[in-house]
Protein backbone atom coordinates (compact mmCIF):
# COMPACT_ATOMS: atom_id res chain seq x y z
CA MET A 1 -23.29 17.12 -48.40
CA LEU A 2 -24.85 17.93 -45.04
CA ILE A 3 -23.74 16.12 -41.92
CA ASN A 4 -26.40 16.01 -39.25
CA VAL A 5 -24.58 16.36 -35.90
CA ARG A 6 -26.52 15.72 -32.72
CA GLY A 7 -25.55 16.60 -29.18
CA PHE A 8 -25.21 19.50 -26.82
CA THR A 9 -23.07 22.56 -27.16
CA LEU A 10 -20.54 23.51 -24.54
CA VAL A 11 -22.68 26.51 -23.53
CA GLU A 12 -25.74 24.30 -22.93
CA LEU A 13 -23.71 21.90 -20.76
CA MET A 14 -22.26 24.79 -18.71
CA ILE A 15 -25.77 26.18 -18.08
CA VAL A 16 -27.01 22.79 -16.85
CA ILE A 17 -23.99 22.40 -14.55
CA ALA A 18 -24.56 25.92 -13.16
CA ILE A 19 -28.23 25.13 -12.42
CA ILE A 20 -27.31 21.87 -10.66
CA THR A 21 -24.67 23.69 -8.59
CA VAL A 22 -27.13 26.37 -7.47
CA LEU A 23 -29.79 23.79 -6.54
CA GLY A 24 -27.20 21.74 -4.65
CA GLY A 25 -26.07 24.82 -2.76
CA ILE A 26 -29.64 25.57 -1.73
CA ALA A 27 -30.54 21.99 -0.73
CA THR A 28 -27.38 21.07 1.22
CA PRO A 29 -27.94 23.28 4.30
CA ALA A 30 -31.54 22.09 4.62
CA LEU A 31 -30.44 18.48 4.43
CA LEU A 32 -27.59 18.95 6.90
CA SER A 33 -29.89 20.62 9.42
CA GLN A 34 -32.14 17.53 9.38
CA LEU A 35 -29.29 15.04 9.76
CA PRO A 36 -29.48 14.84 13.60
CA ASP A 37 -33.19 13.96 13.39
CA TYR A 38 -32.54 11.30 10.76
CA ARG A 39 -29.84 9.79 12.97
CA LEU A 40 -32.10 9.87 16.04
CA ASN A 41 -34.95 8.10 14.23
CA GLY A 42 -32.55 5.60 12.69
CA THR A 43 -30.94 4.86 16.05
CA ALA A 44 -34.34 4.33 17.70
CA ARG A 45 -35.32 1.90 14.93
CA THR A 46 -31.99 0.06 15.19
CA VAL A 47 -32.32 -0.32 18.98
CA PHE A 48 -35.91 -1.50 18.46
CA ALA A 49 -34.76 -4.06 15.89
CA SER A 50 -31.99 -5.33 18.19
CA LEU A 51 -34.43 -5.78 21.06
CA GLN A 52 -36.90 -7.51 18.74
CA TYR A 53 -34.12 -9.81 17.50
CA ALA A 54 -33.19 -10.68 21.10
CA LYS A 55 -36.82 -11.51 21.85
CA MET A 56 -37.16 -13.74 18.76
CA SER A 57 -33.79 -15.41 19.40
CA ALA A 58 -34.79 -16.29 22.96
CA ALA A 59 -38.00 -17.91 21.73
CA SER A 60 -36.31 -19.87 18.95
CA ALA A 61 -33.20 -20.98 20.88
CA GLY A 62 -34.94 -21.76 24.16
CA LYS A 63 -32.36 -19.70 26.07
CA GLU A 64 -32.35 -16.26 27.61
CA TYR A 65 -31.12 -13.37 25.48
CA ARG A 66 -30.40 -9.85 26.60
CA VAL A 67 -29.22 -6.53 25.26
CA GLN A 68 -26.60 -4.83 27.39
CA PHE A 69 -26.28 -1.04 26.98
CA LEU A 70 -22.85 0.37 27.84
CA LEU A 71 -23.45 3.99 28.80
CA ASP A 72 -19.90 5.11 29.68
CA PRO A 73 -17.72 4.63 26.58
CA VAL A 74 -17.63 7.19 23.79
CA PRO A 75 -19.33 6.37 21.55
CA GLN A 76 -21.93 4.57 23.63
CA ARG A 77 -22.73 1.05 22.46
CA TYR A 78 -24.93 -1.95 23.06
CA GLN A 79 -24.33 -5.68 22.72
CA LEU A 80 -26.60 -8.69 22.22
CA GLN A 81 -25.80 -11.56 24.60
CA GLN A 82 -26.98 -15.17 24.84
CA GLY A 83 -27.48 -16.88 28.19
CA ASN A 84 -26.66 -20.49 28.95
CA CYS A 85 -30.08 -21.52 30.37
CA PHE A 86 -33.80 -21.32 29.80
CA HIS A 87 -34.11 -19.19 32.95
CA GLY A 88 -31.57 -17.85 35.47
CA SER A 89 -28.50 -17.87 33.22
CA ASP A 90 -25.20 -17.43 35.03
CA SER A 91 -23.01 -17.18 31.94
CA TRP A 92 -23.46 -14.83 28.99
CA LYS A 93 -21.82 -14.97 25.58
CA ASN A 94 -21.58 -11.91 23.31
CA VAL A 95 -23.32 -12.32 19.95
CA PRO A 96 -21.53 -10.19 17.32
CA PRO A 97 -21.64 -7.48 16.22
CA SER A 98 -21.52 -4.75 18.85
CA ASN A 99 -23.58 -1.70 17.86
CA GLU A 100 -22.43 1.89 18.36
CA ILE A 101 -24.68 4.88 18.94
CA PRO A 102 -23.96 7.28 16.03
CA PRO A 103 -22.62 10.83 16.38
CA GLN A 104 -25.11 13.56 17.36
CA VAL A 105 -27.21 10.98 19.27
CA TRP A 106 -26.67 9.68 22.81
CA ILE A 107 -28.40 7.60 25.44
CA ASP A 108 -29.49 10.12 28.06
CA HIS A 109 -30.45 7.35 30.46
CA ALA A 110 -31.67 3.77 30.46
CA THR A 111 -33.90 1.83 32.81
CA ASP A 112 -33.97 -1.82 33.77
CA TYR A 113 -35.06 -4.01 36.69
CA ARG A 114 -32.35 -2.35 38.85
CA GLY A 115 -33.56 1.22 38.28
CA THR A 116 -32.47 4.20 36.17
CA HIS A 117 -28.90 4.49 34.90
CA GLN A 118 -27.02 7.40 33.39
CA ALA A 119 -23.69 5.60 33.66
CA GLY A 120 -22.50 2.02 33.80
CA THR A 121 -24.64 -0.64 32.17
CA SER A 122 -28.32 -1.28 31.69
CA ILE A 123 -29.72 -4.67 30.70
CA ILE A 124 -32.99 -5.68 29.07
CA ALA A 125 -33.42 -9.47 29.07
CA PHE A 126 -35.87 -11.72 27.22
CA ASN A 127 -37.05 -15.18 28.26
CA PRO A 128 -37.97 -17.97 25.84
CA THR A 129 -41.60 -17.61 26.96
CA GLY A 130 -41.78 -14.13 25.42
CA THR A 131 -41.69 -12.15 28.64
CA ALA A 132 -38.96 -9.65 29.40
CA SER A 133 -37.40 -7.61 32.11
CA SER A 134 -38.99 -4.19 31.84
CA GLY A 135 -36.85 -1.30 30.79
CA GLY A 136 -36.17 1.35 28.25
CA VAL A 137 -33.57 3.35 26.43
CA TYR A 138 -34.01 7.11 26.26
CA LEU A 139 -32.30 8.77 23.31
CA GLU A 140 -31.62 12.45 22.65
CA ASN A 141 -29.97 14.26 19.76
CA SER A 142 -28.01 17.48 19.43
CA ARG A 143 -31.21 19.41 18.60
CA GLY A 144 -32.90 18.32 21.85
CA ASN A 145 -35.34 15.90 20.18
CA LEU A 146 -36.23 12.76 22.11
CA ARG A 147 -37.08 9.13 21.38
CA SER A 148 -37.60 6.28 23.80
CA VAL A 149 -37.59 2.56 23.14
CA LYS A 150 -39.50 0.79 25.90
CA VAL A 151 -40.09 -2.86 26.77
CA SER A 152 -43.09 -4.15 28.74
CA SER A 153 -42.22 -6.93 31.18
CA THR A 154 -45.45 -8.95 31.04
CA THR A 155 -45.89 -9.07 27.28
CA GLY A 156 -42.38 -8.35 26.02
CA ARG A 157 -43.89 -5.69 23.77
CA ILE A 158 -41.36 -3.22 22.40
CA ARG A 159 -42.39 0.27 21.27
CA ILE A 160 -40.85 3.53 20.15
CA ASP A 161 -42.23 6.77 21.61
CA THR A 162 -41.48 10.33 20.56
CA THR A 163 -41.44 11.47 24.18
CA TRP A 164 -40.11 10.14 27.44
């Protein structure tokens, strides 16, 4: 009586594992070298999304919203804040969560209505009418690549640029 056994032999499994190991060894350095660029692009998109959320929140809540960039702490971070008025807020409440800038990426400088900042804080505010205080965040990674996220004051338009 013949028994029909199906499956793989130990030798076949060892060959497949060896091939996967070699391919993984070749692909890992290439992937790791691109990691700073992936983080830079992801950070630019996250900052863009936070600014867009502040703009939409201001329009829907009828109150000012702003994003405050804290340039001094390590890691750098930014925080969404809600004002207490339609215009000219004198009290601001943090809206969780606070966002950190990931490793290998940093804010080189930021601009707002007060000028250019490399330290301290920079604030981009949005009014319920859709307008904003002009400004931008200028990001750099460990490979020297650049991204900027800029806000136009008259239209509140937010854009990501690959240069400063």
